[in-house]
Amino acid sequence: MLYEEKLTPAWWMWLLVLFAGLVAFVALAPISMWLAGLAALVVGGGAAVALVASTTSLVVTEDSLQVGRARIERRFVGEAEAFRGDDVRRVRGPELDARAFMNFRASVGPVVRIRITDPVDPTPYWLTSSRHPERVVEVLSAHR
């Protein structure tokens, strides 16, 4: 394995889980405190499970590139570019090709665009969130 990154939710996303549980509690507290507590646990627990389930991985090996459940052989991986700041909005918005494979995470701002060179694959590139996009580009470029 040359590189691995787990795209886990940022710490502040867990505040949203807490807030969802709190909203459920406040909404039902006038009716029944027991029901409000149960609803808070169910809503907060469901949101926590959804947040954990949304975690994906970015893995680069000698033979393949894997982003989430998508995998491609390294021989079909072309040039990679890292984007931060305003450039992220540009490549995720006006310049985005609808045929691209996309793996965005709300709590991970920077992205990497990885060209796909497979002649039979209609996907022009993969665009994925990464906390260390320059490192991903470095690893993919060094082992071409």
Protein backbone atom coordinates (compact mmCIF):
# COMPACT_ATOMS: atom_id res chain seq x y z
CA MET A 1 0.00 0.00 0.00
CA LEU A 2 1.45 3.33 -1.07
CA TYR A 3 -1.17 5.62 0.44
CA GLU A 4 -4.36 5.28 2.48
CA GLU A 5 -6.70 7.94 3.77
CA LYS A 6 -9.99 7.50 5.61
CA LEU A 7 -12.42 10.27 4.79
CA THR A 8 -14.02 10.40 8.21
CA PRO A 9 -16.43 13.13 9.28
CA ALA A 10 -14.89 16.20 10.92
CA TRP A 11 -15.43 16.75 14.64
CA TRP A 12 -18.02 19.45 14.01
CA MET A 13 -20.25 16.99 12.11
CA TRP A 14 -20.80 15.21 15.44
CA LEU A 15 -22.34 18.43 16.75
CA LEU A 16 -25.05 17.99 14.10
CA VAL A 17 -25.77 14.52 15.50
CA LEU A 18 -26.14 16.01 18.95
CA PHE A 19 -28.33 18.79 17.59
CA ALA A 20 -30.62 16.29 15.79
CA GLY A 21 -31.13 14.37 19.03
CA LEU A 22 -31.75 17.58 20.93
CA VAL A 23 -34.37 18.76 18.42
CA ALA A 24 -36.21 15.43 18.72
CA PHE A 25 -36.13 15.73 22.51
CA VAL A 26 -37.40 19.32 22.57
CA ALA A 27 -40.16 18.57 20.06
CA LEU A 28 -41.59 15.71 22.12
CA ALA A 29 -40.80 16.85 25.69
CA PRO A 30 -44.17 18.64 26.14
CA ILE A 31 -45.95 15.38 25.29
CA SER A 32 -43.88 12.89 27.28
CA MET A 33 -40.39 13.03 28.76
CA TRP A 34 -39.99 9.27 28.31
CA LEU A 35 -41.00 9.49 24.63
CA ALA A 36 -38.76 12.55 24.15
CA GLY A 37 -35.75 10.70 25.57
CA LEU A 38 -36.45 7.68 23.38
CA ALA A 39 -36.85 9.86 20.29
CA ALA A 40 -33.60 11.68 21.07
CA LEU A 41 -31.77 8.36 21.30
CA VAL A 42 -33.30 7.01 18.10
CA VAL A 43 -32.77 10.18 16.05
CA GLY A 44 -29.28 10.85 17.43
CA GLY A 45 -28.32 7.19 17.08
CA GLY A 46 -29.61 7.05 13.53
CA ALA A 47 -27.71 10.19 12.61
CA ALA A 48 -24.54 8.77 14.20
CA VAL A 49 -24.89 5.51 12.27
CA ALA A 50 -25.43 7.44 9.02
CA LEU A 51 -22.36 9.56 9.71
CA VAL A 52 -20.15 6.54 10.41
CA ALA A 53 -21.55 4.71 7.36
CA SER A 54 -20.62 7.66 5.14
CA THR A 55 -16.90 7.16 5.85
CA THR A 56 -15.00 6.14 2.73
CA SER A 57 -11.37 5.36 1.97
CA LEU A 58 -8.91 6.52 -0.64
CA VAL A 59 -6.31 3.78 -1.22
CA VAL A 60 -3.39 3.74 -3.66
CA THR A 61 -1.43 0.53 -4.21
CA GLU A 62 1.08 -0.53 -6.85
CA ASP A 63 -1.74 -2.16 -8.84
CA SER A 64 -4.86 -0.11 -8.20
CA LEU A 65 -6.56 3.06 -7.05
CA GLN A 66 -9.64 2.71 -4.89
CA VAL A 67 -11.98 5.50 -3.84
CA GLY A 68 -14.89 4.21 -1.78
CA ARG A 69 -16.19 1.13 -3.57
CA ALA A 70 -14.83 2.23 -6.97
CA ARG A 71 -11.57 0.64 -8.07
CA ILE A 72 -9.44 1.02 -11.18
CA GLU A 73 -6.16 -0.48 -12.30
CA ARG A 74 -3.19 1.88 -12.01
CA ARG A 75 -2.35 1.49 -15.69
CA PHE A 76 -5.53 3.50 -16.46
CA VAL A 77 -4.71 6.30 -14.00
CA GLY A 78 -3.43 9.46 -15.65
CA GLU A 79 -2.40 12.86 -14.37
CA ALA A 80 -3.65 14.00 -10.96
CA GLU A 81 -4.20 17.58 -9.77
CA ALA A 82 -4.82 18.96 -6.28
CA PHE A 83 -7.27 21.80 -5.61
CA ARG A 84 -7.85 23.96 -2.55
CA GLY A 85 -9.84 27.08 -1.72
CA ASP A 86 -11.67 28.85 -4.55
CA ASP A 87 -10.37 26.34 -7.08
CA VAL A 88 -12.44 23.62 -5.36
CA ARG A 89 -15.65 25.53 -6.04
CA ARG A 90 -14.63 25.95 -9.67
CA VAL A 91 -13.82 22.27 -10.36
CA ARG A 92 -16.86 21.03 -8.39
CA GLY A 93 -19.13 23.55 -10.08
CA PRO A 94 -18.81 25.24 -13.47
CA GLU A 95 -16.00 23.02 -14.78
CA LEU A 96 -17.48 19.72 -13.57
CA ASP A 97 -18.04 17.07 -16.25
CA ALA A 98 -21.28 15.18 -15.53
CA ARG A 99 -19.60 11.92 -16.58
CA ALA A 100 -16.99 12.19 -13.82
CA PHE A 101 -16.93 9.87 -10.81
CA MET A 102 -17.45 12.05 -7.73
CA ASN A 103 -16.72 11.33 -4.08
CA PHE A 104 -17.30 14.49 -2.05
CA ARG A 105 -17.40 14.85 1.73
CA ALA A 106 -18.96 17.95 3.27
CA SER A 107 -16.34 18.11 6.02
CA VAL A 108 -13.33 17.65 3.70
CA GLY A 109 -12.73 20.74 1.55
CA PRO A 110 -9.77 19.99 -0.74
CA VAL A 111 -10.21 17.72 -3.77
CA VAL A 112 -8.06 15.72 -6.17
CA ARG A 113 -8.89 15.32 -9.86
CA ILE A 114 -7.49 12.09 -11.30
CA ARG A 115 -7.63 11.59 -15.07
CA ILE A 116 -8.78 8.20 -16.33
CA THR A 117 -7.01 6.97 -19.49
CA ASP A 118 -9.00 3.77 -20.15
CA PRO A 119 -10.19 4.09 -23.78
CA VAL A 120 -13.41 2.13 -23.13
CA ASP A 121 -14.34 3.95 -19.91
CA PRO A 122 -16.55 7.00 -20.57
CA THR A 123 -15.50 8.51 -17.21
CA PRO A 124 -13.00 11.30 -17.97
CA TYR A 125 -11.76 11.66 -14.39
CA TRP A 126 -12.39 10.94 -10.74
CA LEU A 127 -12.93 13.89 -8.42
CA THR A 128 -12.59 13.04 -4.75
CA SER A 129 -12.24 14.84 -1.47
CA SER A 130 -8.90 14.46 0.32
CA ARG A 131 -7.40 16.09 3.39
CA HIS A 132 -3.94 15.73 1.79
CA PRO A 133 -4.49 16.22 -1.96
CA GLU A 134 -0.87 17.16 -2.69
CA ARG A 135 0.29 13.87 -1.12
CA VAL A 136 -2.15 11.90 -3.30
CA VAL A 137 -0.83 13.67 -6.41
CA GLU A 138 2.75 12.97 -5.31
CA VAL A 139 2.10 9.26 -4.77
CA LEU A 140 0.23 8.86 -8.06
CA SER A 141 2.87 10.80 -10.00
CA ALA A 142 5.84 8.97 -8.47
CA HIS A 143 4.49 5.52 -9.30
CA ARG A 144 3.24 5.95 -12.86
